[in-house]
C-alpha atoms as a PDB file:
ATOM      1  CA  UNK A   1     192.745 132.891  64.749  1.00  0.00           C
ATOM      2  CA  UNK A   2     195.040 132.293  61.814  1.00  0.00           C
ATOM      3  CA  UNK A   3     194.278 134.912  59.144  1.00  0.00           C
ATOM      4  CA  UNK A   4     195.454 132.534  56.375  1.00  0.00           C
ATOM      5  CA  UNK A   5     192.390 130.280  56.744  1.00  0.00           C
ATOM      6  CA  UNK A   6     189.794 130.649  53.976  1.00  0.00           C
ATOM      7  CA  UNK A   7     186.283 129.673  55.110  1.00  0.00           C
ATOM      8  CA  UNK A   8     184.485 131.108  52.076  1.00  0.00           C
ATOM      9  CA  UNK A   9     183.641 127.581  50.816  1.00  0.00           C
ATOM     10  CA  UNK A  10     182.723 126.300  54.278  1.00  0.00           C
ATOM     11  CA  UNK A  11     179.279 125.044  55.201  1.00  0.00           C
ATOM     12  CA  UNK A  12     177.468 125.503  58.476  1.00  0.00           C
ATOM     13  CA  UNK A  13     176.028 122.572  60.356  1.00  0.00           C
ATOM     14  CA  UNK A  14     177.138 119.098  61.336  1.00  0.00           C
ATOM     15  CA  UNK A  15     180.533 117.784  60.380  1.00  0.00           C
ATOM     16  CA  UNK A  16     179.312 114.183  60.144  1.00  0.00           C
ATOM     17  CA  UNK A  17     175.855 113.086  58.957  1.00  0.00           C
ATOM     18  CA  UNK A  18     173.466 112.083  61.768  1.00  0.00           C
ATOM     19  CA  UNK A  19     173.433 108.398  62.658  1.00  0.00           C
ATOM     20  CA  UNK A  20     170.349 106.595  61.335  1.00  0.00           C
ATOM     21  CA  UNK A  21     167.678 105.563  63.820  1.00  0.00           C
ATOM     22  CA  UNK A  22     167.535 101.830  64.520  1.00  0.00           C
ATOM     23  CA  UNK A  23     164.860 100.141  62.407  1.00  0.00           C
ATOM     24  CA  UNK A  24     161.849  98.421  63.901  1.00  0.00           C
ATOM     25  CA  UNK A  25     160.728 101.029  66.414  1.00  0.00           C
ATOM     26  CA  UNK A  26     158.892 104.305  65.892  1.00  0.00           C
ATOM     27  CA  UNK A  27     158.995 107.151  68.393  1.00  0.00           C
ATOM     28  CA  UNK A  28     155.503 108.454  69.152  1.00  0.00           C
ATOM     29  CA  UNK A  29     153.793 110.474  71.846  1.00  0.00           C
ATOM     30  CA  UNK A  30     150.805 108.798  73.467  1.00  0.00           C
ATOM     31  CA  UNK A  31     148.706 109.780  76.448  1.00  0.00           C
ATOM     32  CA  UNK A  32     147.633 106.849  78.618  1.00  0.00           C
ATOM     33  CA  UNK A  33     145.452 106.755  81.696  1.00  0.00           C
ATOM     34  CA  UNK A  34     147.459 106.903  84.895  1.00  0.00           C
ATOM     35  CA  UNK A  35     146.115 103.600  86.215  1.00  0.00           C
ATOM     36  CA  UNK A  36     147.361 101.780  83.096  1.00  0.00           C
ATOM     37  CA  UNK A  37     150.831 103.259  83.394  1.00  0.00           C
ATOM     38  CA  UNK A  38     150.909 102.368  87.113  1.00  0.00           C
ATOM     39  CA  UNK A  39     149.907  98.794  86.295  1.00  0.00           C
ATOM     40  CA  UNK A  40     152.707  98.334  83.768  1.00  0.00           C
ATOM     41  CA  UNK A  41     155.256 100.042  86.025  1.00  0.00           C
ATOM     42  CA  UNK A  42     154.388  97.599  88.823  1.00  0.00           C
ATOM     43  CA  UNK A  43     154.619  94.673  86.401  1.00  0.00           C
ATOM     44  CA  UNK A  44     158.027  95.905  85.257  1.00  0.00           C
ATOM     45  CA  UNK A  45     159.181  96.135  88.894  1.00  0.00           C
ATOM     46  CA  UNK A  46     158.295  92.464  89.442  1.00  0.00           C
ATOM     47  CA  UNK A  47     160.718  91.459  86.664  1.00  0.00           C
ATOM     48  CA  UNK A  48     163.624  92.833  88.662  1.00  0.00           C
ATOM     49  CA  UNK A  49     164.598  95.286  85.954  1.00  0.00           C
ATOM     50  CA  UNK A  50     164.873  92.761  83.139  1.00  0.00           C
ATOM     51  CA  UNK A  51     161.789  94.011  81.279  1.00  0.00           C
ATOM     52  CA  UNK A  52     160.761  97.653  80.958  1.00  0.00           C
ATOM     53  CA  UNK A  53     157.228  98.955  81.186  1.00  0.00           C
ATOM     54  CA  UNK A  54     157.238 100.082  77.546  1.00  0.00           C
ATOM     55  CA  UNK A  55     158.137  96.559  76.448  1.00  0.00           C
ATOM     56  CA  UNK A  56     155.225  95.219  78.504  1.00  0.00           C
ATOM     57  CA  UNK A  57     152.835  97.736  76.951  1.00  0.00           C
ATOM     58  CA  UNK A  58     154.124  96.761  73.503  1.00  0.00           C
ATOM     59  CA  UNK A  59     153.552  93.057  74.245  1.00  0.00           C
ATOM     60  CA  UNK A  60     150.015  93.712  75.534  1.00  0.00           C
ATOM     61  CA  UNK A  61     149.142  95.687  72.405  1.00  0.00           C
ATOM     62  CA  UNK A  62     150.631  92.987  70.181  1.00  0.00           C
ATOM     63  CA  UNK A  63     148.522  90.290  71.906  1.00  0.00           C
ATOM     64  CA  UNK A  64     145.403  92.388  71.428  1.00  0.00           C
ATOM     65  CA  UNK A  65     145.818  92.977  67.710  1.00  0.00           C
END
């Protein structure tokens, strides 16, 4: 290490600020019954990978409210 470097004014942590989370979605933890998760996983499989199970759950909740 070069002994001419002065780190006395340095700060610990990230060099760049963290990137902001995309708006519109909120990360949560939810516990669902296994049969419900299985249902939505099977539904997602029938779409051929175009729609994920979380999107299907989101749509079902939106229709209900």
